[in-house]
Protein backbone atom coordinates (compact mmCIF):
# COMPACT_ATOMS: atom_id res chain seq x y z
CA UNK A 1 -115.14 -22.80 -39.79
CA UNK A 2 -114.49 -21.25 -43.01
CA UNK A 3 -118.39 -21.87 -44.11
CA UNK A 4 -118.87 -19.44 -41.93
CA UNK A 5 -117.27 -16.30 -43.13
CA UNK A 6 -119.39 -14.51 -44.91
CA UNK A 7 -117.96 -10.77 -46.67
CA UNK A 8 -120.34 -8.34 -45.49
CA UNK A 9 -119.99 -6.41 -48.74
CA UNK A 10 -121.74 -9.47 -50.59
CA UNK A 11 -125.08 -9.14 -47.95
CA UNK A 12 -127.55 -8.66 -50.94
CA UNK A 13 -127.63 -8.47 -54.68
CA UNK A 14 -128.71 -5.16 -54.71
CA UNK A 15 -125.95 -4.00 -52.45
CA UNK A 16 -123.35 -6.12 -54.83
CA UNK A 17 -124.59 -4.14 -58.21
CA UNK A 18 -125.07 -0.65 -56.51
CA UNK A 19 -121.00 -1.44 -55.38
CA UNK A 20 -120.86 -2.91 -59.62
CA UNK A 21 -122.25 0.47 -60.62
CA UNK A 22 -120.23 2.71 -58.45
CA UNK A 23 -116.98 1.12 -59.65
CA UNK A 24 -118.12 1.29 -63.34
CA UNK A 25 -118.13 4.75 -62.44
CA UNK A 26 -115.16 5.23 -60.48
CA UNK A 27 -113.43 3.66 -63.27
CA UNK A 28 -114.05 5.77 -66.01
CA UNK A 29 -111.24 8.35 -66.12
CA UNK A 30 -108.97 4.96 -65.83
CA UNK A 31 -105.88 5.48 -68.61
CA UNK A 32 -105.31 2.53 -68.43
CA UNK A 33 -106.81 -1.04 -68.60
CA UNK A 34 -109.31 -1.24 -65.35
CA UNK A 35 -109.08 -4.84 -65.34
CA UNK A 36 -105.66 -5.20 -64.49
CA UNK A 37 -105.14 -1.55 -62.26
CA UNK A 38 -108.00 -2.60 -59.91
CA UNK A 39 -109.28 0.12 -58.84
CA UNK A 40 -111.23 -0.06 -55.50
CA UNK A 41 -114.31 2.08 -55.75
CA UNK A 42 -114.67 4.74 -52.88
CA UNK A 43 -115.86 3.38 -49.22
CA UNK A 44 -119.27 3.64 -48.81
CA UNK A 45 -120.79 3.26 -44.61
CA UNK A 46 -118.95 2.14 -41.43
CA UNK A 47 -116.88 -0.30 -41.43
CA UNK A 48 -117.46 -3.75 -40.56
CA UNK A 49 -118.22 -4.50 -36.18
CA UNK A 50 -115.44 -6.58 -35.75
CA UNK A 51 -117.26 -10.34 -34.33
CA UNK A 52 -113.83 -12.17 -32.99
CA UNK A 53 -115.01 -15.41 -34.01
CA UNK A 54 -112.05 -17.70 -34.95
CA UNK A 55 -111.89 -18.29 -38.30
CA UNK A 56 -109.99 -21.50 -39.83
CA UNK A 57 -108.73 -22.64 -43.50
CA UNK A 58 -108.20 -26.10 -44.91
CA UNK A 59 -105.10 -27.84 -44.20
CA UNK A 60 -104.30 -25.89 -41.55
CA UNK A 61 -104.49 -26.72 -36.94
CA UNK A 62 -104.30 -22.61 -37.05
CA UNK A 63 -107.00 -20.41 -35.78
CA UNK A 64 -107.16 -16.23 -36.88
CA UNK A 65 -109.84 -14.40 -36.16
CA UNK A 66 -110.80 -12.01 -39.52
CA UNK A 67 -109.44 -8.77 -37.97
CA UNK A 68 -106.22 -10.53 -37.22
CA UNK A 69 -105.92 -11.76 -40.54
CA UNK A 70 -105.96 -8.08 -41.94
CA UNK A 71 -102.93 -6.83 -39.56
CA UNK A 72 -100.56 -5.45 -41.69
CA UNK A 73 -98.11 -6.07 -38.95
CA UNK A 74 -98.56 -9.23 -37.67
CA UNK A 75 -99.09 -11.78 -40.41
CA UNK A 76 -101.78 -14.77 -40.00
CA UNK A 77 -99.18 -17.81 -40.80
CA UNK A 78 -101.48 -20.37 -41.73
CA UNK A 79 -98.87 -23.02 -42.70
CA UNK A 80 -95.86 -22.15 -40.59
CA UNK A 81 -94.44 -26.04 -41.72
CA UNK A 82 -94.82 -24.39 -45.40
CA UNK A 83 -91.97 -22.39 -45.36
CA UNK A 84 -88.56 -21.47 -43.69
CA UNK A 85 -88.48 -19.47 -40.67
CA UNK A 86 -89.61 -15.74 -41.20
CA UNK A 87 -87.53 -12.78 -40.88
CA UNK A 88 -88.91 -10.03 -38.74
CA UNK A 89 -89.19 -7.24 -41.61
CA UNK A 90 -91.50 -10.38 -43.43
CA UNK A 91 -93.22 -11.38 -40.62
CA UNK A 92 -93.82 -8.17 -39.04
CA UNK A 93 -92.92 -5.73 -40.43
CA UNK A 94 -91.62 -2.16 -38.45
CA UNK A 95 -94.57 -0.17 -36.42
CA UNK A 96 -95.26 2.75 -38.21
CA UNK A 97 -93.13 3.14 -40.91
CA UNK A 98 -92.79 -0.29 -42.83
CA UNK A 99 -96.00 -3.19 -43.19
CA UNK A 100 -95.07 -6.81 -42.84
CA UNK A 101 -94.22 -8.10 -46.47
CA UNK A 102 -95.81 -11.43 -46.01
CA UNK A 103 -99.28 -9.82 -45.49
CA UNK A 104 -99.25 -8.76 -49.20
CA UNK A 105 -96.64 -11.07 -50.56
CA UNK A 106 -97.81 -13.66 -48.70
CA UNK A 107 -95.44 -16.44 -46.36
CA UNK A 108 -95.11 -18.78 -49.19
CA UNK A 109 -93.72 -15.16 -52.04
CA UNK A 110 -96.41 -15.76 -54.17
CA UNK A 111 -98.50 -13.05 -53.79
CA UNK A 112 -101.91 -11.97 -55.39
CA UNK A 113 -103.00 -10.38 -58.91
CA UNK A 114 -102.48 -7.33 -57.26
CA UNK A 115 -98.66 -7.07 -56.59
CA UNK A 116 -95.94 -9.60 -57.30
CA UNK A 117 -94.98 -12.62 -56.97
CA UNK A 118 -91.33 -12.82 -55.05
CA UNK A 119 -90.85 -16.87 -54.65
CA UNK A 120 -87.38 -17.77 -56.31
CA UNK A 121 -86.75 -14.78 -57.62
CA UNK A 122 -83.07 -13.73 -57.65
CA UNK A 123 -82.17 -11.65 -54.51
CA UNK A 124 -80.62 -8.92 -56.15
CA UNK A 125 -83.04 -8.15 -57.87
CA UNK A 126 -85.44 -7.64 -55.32
CA UNK A 127 -82.93 -5.72 -54.15
CA UNK A 128 -82.87 -3.62 -57.03
CA UNK A 129 -86.82 -3.41 -57.45
CA UNK A 130 -86.80 -1.79 -53.47
CA UNK A 131 -83.98 0.68 -55.36
CA UNK A 132 -86.60 1.86 -58.46
CA UNK A 133 -89.53 2.24 -56.09
CA UNK A 134 -86.93 4.60 -53.88
CA UNK A 135 -85.41 6.52 -56.66
CA UNK A 136 -88.94 6.79 -58.88
CA UNK A 137 -87.57 4.82 -61.82
CA UNK A 138 -90.21 2.00 -60.97
CA UNK A 139 -93.86 3.78 -60.94
CA UNK A 140 -97.18 2.74 -62.37
CA UNK A 141 -98.90 3.97 -65.47
CA UNK A 142 -102.27 4.13 -63.24
CA UNK A 143 -100.99 6.60 -60.17
CA UNK A 144 -104.81 5.32 -57.97
CA UNK A 145 -103.22 1.79 -58.37
CA UNK A 146 -102.69 1.61 -54.90
CA UNK A 147 -100.17 -1.42 -53.92
CA UNK A 148 -97.49 0.25 -55.82
CA UNK A 149 -98.69 3.66 -54.15
CA UNK A 150 -98.24 1.72 -51.48
CA UNK A 151 -94.73 0.67 -52.38
CA UNK A 152 -93.48 4.06 -52.65
CA UNK A 153 -95.23 5.33 -49.74
CA UNK A 154 -94.36 2.27 -47.08
CA UNK A 155 -92.37 0.24 -47.87
CA UNK A 156 -89.10 2.99 -49.11
CA UNK A 157 -88.96 3.33 -44.87
CA UNK A 158 -87.33 -0.06 -44.95
CA UNK A 159 -83.36 -0.35 -44.53
CA UNK A 160 -80.96 -1.63 -46.04
CA UNK A 161 -80.07 -4.59 -43.68
CA UNK A 162 -84.21 -5.32 -43.98
CA UNK A 163 -84.14 -5.11 -47.41
CA UNK A 164 -81.53 -7.65 -47.65
CA UNK A 165 -83.21 -10.16 -45.22
CA UNK A 166 -86.64 -9.92 -47.08
CA UNK A 167 -84.72 -10.53 -50.35
CA UNK A 168 -83.18 -13.80 -49.07
CA UNK A 169 -85.85 -14.42 -47.58
CA UNK A 170 -88.22 -14.17 -51.08
CA UNK A 171 -85.20 -16.08 -53.41
CA UNK A 172 -84.51 -19.00 -50.88
CA UNK A 173 -88.28 -20.40 -52.18
CA UNK A 174 -89.33 -22.63 -54.53
CA UNK A 175 -92.34 -20.83 -57.20
CA UNK A 176 -95.37 -22.74 -56.76
CA UNK A 177 -98.06 -23.11 -59.50
CA UNK A 178 -100.81 -20.95 -58.80
CA UNK A 179 -102.66 -19.75 -61.52
CA UNK A 180 -105.44 -21.86 -63.56
CA UNK A 181 -105.69 -20.50 -66.75
CA UNK A 182 -109.16 -21.09 -68.79
CA UNK A 183 -109.47 -19.49 -72.71
CA UNK A 184 -113.25 -18.77 -73.01
CA UNK A 185 -115.63 -16.69 -74.63
CA UNK A 186 -117.43 -15.66 -71.28
CA UNK A 187 -116.74 -14.45 -67.80
CA UNK A 188 -118.44 -14.11 -64.71
CA UNK A 189 -119.28 -10.64 -64.26
CA UNK A 190 -117.50 -8.94 -61.60
CA UNK A 191 -116.92 -6.07 -59.26
CA UNK A 192 -113.60 -4.77 -57.83
CA UNK A 193 -113.39 -5.42 -54.06
CA UNK A 194 -109.93 -5.79 -52.12
CA UNK A 195 -107.98 -4.75 -55.32
CA UNK A 196 -108.91 -7.64 -56.91
CA UNK A 197 -111.83 -8.69 -59.28
CA UNK A 198 -114.54 -10.00 -57.86
CA UNK A 199 -117.83 -12.28 -58.79
CA UNK A 200 -120.75 -10.61 -58.39
CA UNK A 201 -122.86 -13.24 -56.51
CA UNK A 202 -125.89 -13.67 -59.06
CA UNK A 203 -125.16 -11.21 -61.79
CA UNK A 204 -124.53 -13.71 -64.89
CA UNK A 205 -121.83 -13.36 -67.63
CA UNK A 206 -120.93 -11.50 -69.56
CA UNK A 207 -118.48 -11.63 -72.72
CA UNK A 208 -114.74 -11.62 -72.03
CA UNK A 209 -114.05 -9.04 -75.08
CA UNK A 210 -110.21 -7.61 -75.07
CA UNK A 211 -109.90 -8.23 -71.22
CA UNK A 212 -108.15 -11.11 -68.62
CA UNK A 213 -110.41 -11.77 -65.43
CA UNK A 214 -108.22 -13.01 -62.78
CA UNK A 215 -109.87 -13.82 -59.76
CA UNK A 216 -109.28 -16.05 -56.44
CA UNK A 217 -110.41 -19.30 -56.84
CA UNK A 218 -111.67 -19.33 -53.31
CA UNK A 219 -112.15 -15.73 -52.52
CA UNK A 220 -113.32 -16.24 -48.50
CA UNK A 221 -109.72 -18.24 -48.19
CA UNK A 222 -107.70 -14.97 -50.33
CA UNK A 223 -109.35 -12.79 -48.02
CA UNK A 224 -108.23 -14.31 -45.17
CA UNK A 225 -104.80 -14.72 -46.51
CA UNK A 226 -104.77 -18.44 -47.21
CA UNK A 227 -101.67 -19.06 -48.85
CA UNK A 228 -102.67 -22.26 -50.05
CA UNK A 229 -105.53 -20.77 -52.40
CA UNK A 230 -104.34 -19.91 -55.39
CA UNK A 231 -106.65 -18.40 -58.48
CA UNK A 232 -107.83 -18.74 -61.99
CA UNK A 233 -107.38 -16.29 -64.80
CA UNK A 234 -109.90 -15.86 -68.18
CA UNK A 235 -108.47 -15.38 -71.00
CA UNK A 236 -110.22 -14.78 -74.58
CA UNK A 237 -110.09 -17.50 -76.86
CA UNK A 238 -106.78 -18.21 -79.01
CA UNK A 239 -104.39 -16.25 -76.34
CA UNK A 240 -102.22 -19.54 -75.97
CA UNK A 241 -101.19 -19.72 -79.11
CA UNK A 242 -100.96 -16.36 -79.83
CA UNK A 243 -99.13 -15.79 -76.98
CA UNK A 244 -96.71 -18.67 -77.87
CA UNK A 245 -95.78 -16.89 -81.35
CA UNK A 246 -95.20 -13.44 -79.59
CA UNK A 247 -93.28 -14.82 -76.96
CA UNK A 248 -91.37 -18.01 -78.76
CA UNK A 249 -90.33 -16.19 -81.58
CA UNK A 250 -91.30 -12.44 -81.64
CA UNK A 251 -94.00 -13.00 -84.28
CA UNK A 252 -91.74 -11.32 -87.33
CA UNK A 253 -90.45 -8.79 -85.67
CA UNK A 254 -93.37 -7.37 -83.61
CA UNK A 255 -90.77 -8.22 -80.50
CA UNK A 256 -88.26 -10.03 -79.43
CA UNK A 257 -87.92 -13.79 -78.37
CA UNK A 258 -88.46 -14.04 -74.49
CA UNK A 259 -85.79 -16.44 -73.63
CA UNK A 260 -83.13 -14.49 -74.88
CA UNK A 261 -82.62 -12.86 -71.27
CA UNK A 262 -85.39 -14.60 -69.32
CA UNK A 263 -83.20 -18.17 -70.13
CA UNK A 264 -84.16 -21.12 -70.39
CA UNK A 265 -88.35 -21.61 -70.66
CA UNK A 266 -88.63 -18.39 -68.90
CA UNK A 267 -87.19 -19.22 -65.49
CA UNK A 268 -84.59 -16.61 -65.65
CA UNK A 269 -80.69 -15.58 -65.77
CA UNK A 270 -78.38 -14.38 -63.52
CA UNK A 271 -80.40 -11.34 -61.99
CA UNK A 272 -82.66 -11.28 -64.58
CA UNK A 273 -86.82 -12.54 -63.49
CA UNK A 274 -88.51 -15.80 -64.05
CA UNK A 275 -91.43 -14.55 -65.96
CA UNK A 276 -92.95 -18.06 -66.44
CA UNK A 277 -96.09 -18.56 -64.00
CA UNK A 278 -96.68 -15.53 -62.82
CA UNK A 279 -100.10 -13.59 -62.66
CA UNK A 280 -101.19 -12.29 -66.11
CA UNK A 281 -102.65 -9.09 -64.27
CA UNK A 282 -99.18 -8.57 -63.20
CA UNK A 283 -97.29 -9.32 -66.41
CA UNK A 284 -99.88 -7.01 -68.32
CA UNK A 285 -99.15 -3.98 -65.81
CA UNK A 286 -95.06 -4.03 -65.69
CA UNK A 287 -95.54 -4.35 -69.88
CA UNK A 288 -97.73 -1.58 -70.13
CA UNK A 289 -95.64 0.52 -67.39
CA UNK A 290 -92.40 0.02 -69.54
CA UNK A 291 -94.22 1.25 -72.50
CA UNK A 292 -95.55 4.51 -70.37
CA UNK A 293 -92.15 4.64 -69.17
CA UNK A 294 -93.75 4.76 -65.96
CA UNK A 295 -91.20 2.26 -65.03
CA UNK A 296 -87.74 3.24 -66.60
CA UNK A 297 -84.03 3.22 -65.33
CA UNK A 298 -80.95 1.29 -66.64
CA UNK A 299 -82.79 -2.40 -65.89
CA UNK A 300 -85.17 -1.57 -68.19
CA UNK A 301 -84.03 -0.08 -70.72
CA UNK A 302 -83.33 -3.75 -72.38
CA UNK A 303 -87.23 -3.69 -72.49
CA UNK A 304 -87.83 -0.80 -73.94
CA UNK A 305 -87.41 -2.17 -77.78
CA UNK A 306 -89.44 -5.30 -76.29
CA UNK A 307 -92.31 -3.65 -75.61
CA UNK A 308 -92.25 -0.47 -78.26
CA UNK A 309 -94.53 -1.50 -80.69
CA UNK A 310 -97.19 -4.02 -78.37
CA UNK A 311 -100.49 -3.32 -78.90
CA UNK A 312 -102.86 -4.31 -75.40
CA UNK A 313 -104.27 -7.59 -77.27
CA UNK A 314 -100.42 -8.54 -77.87
CA UNK A 315 -100.28 -7.56 -73.96
CA UNK A 316 -102.80 -10.43 -73.01
CA UNK A 317 -101.50 -12.98 -74.85
CA UNK A 318 -98.07 -12.76 -73.79
CA UNK A 319 -99.51 -12.77 -70.16
CA UNK A 320 -101.89 -15.53 -70.84
CA UNK A 321 -99.07 -17.93 -72.40
CA UNK A 322 -96.51 -16.93 -69.67
CA UNK A 323 -98.72 -17.66 -67.01
CA UNK A 324 -100.02 -21.13 -68.06
CA UNK A 325 -96.72 -22.51 -67.74
CA UNK A 326 -95.04 -23.85 -64.74
CA UNK A 327 -92.78 -21.88 -62.59
């Protein structure tokens, strides 16, 4: 059962504190906000010994071993009735070059904080993003950010036919409410693991400061890649009101109203993506990447005046407000 799953990385408080210390030291060299561009600390010790025991998650009759859920060429599909049949490239990828799309973005397309939610995006937009990864027009401001580096190194081997099939699949999915946004002054102390922030057991709480702390609601289920297990985003007090002012009216020229391009209720228009209900960590990375020109190209030109004058606090507020909206 799910209660039996205990990550070996969490075996004792002492080890957790050591991991947190290594992460803090490792992240000092970052030029980007570490809470948005989460970098795993250098791995320590040998990989855990596989135990082969079947795992289960709520509301699913499926059973997979932990090792099966980590197979990037055969997606563990916990809820096959919750989505259409996945194309081969989405479910299995193509060895050895291309990982299964749903391994990272999940069968329901909702994704996780370290990557993009693809559910319901225009197919043409998805195809264009793949082209931008391949041309170098879409990169990360943080070169060590593994998810983007993986898209560039591995997924660029996908063929036009594979990309078209994947884009059509994810575009057909209906986006779901996926992130619970909570305004707060304090958050659990965290460390980096699995390319996201994870609460450090027994470490208490700390001021949120100028950050968004986005975490799994149930880390055990998330690590098993259960696409019915969602996320919570802790944001600074006042973020939602401040973000609404920036998104809705540009706040006296500081930026541009988002609905001008992203459509009614910010749910996209033509090949312009929806931005309602998206991961706030993801949104901050995109705004930051556009501002630093790590992400550029023809489709991004219109965003340059939008992001030019934004501070990191502005980005936090915008991302928090957008995440609070129904997708």
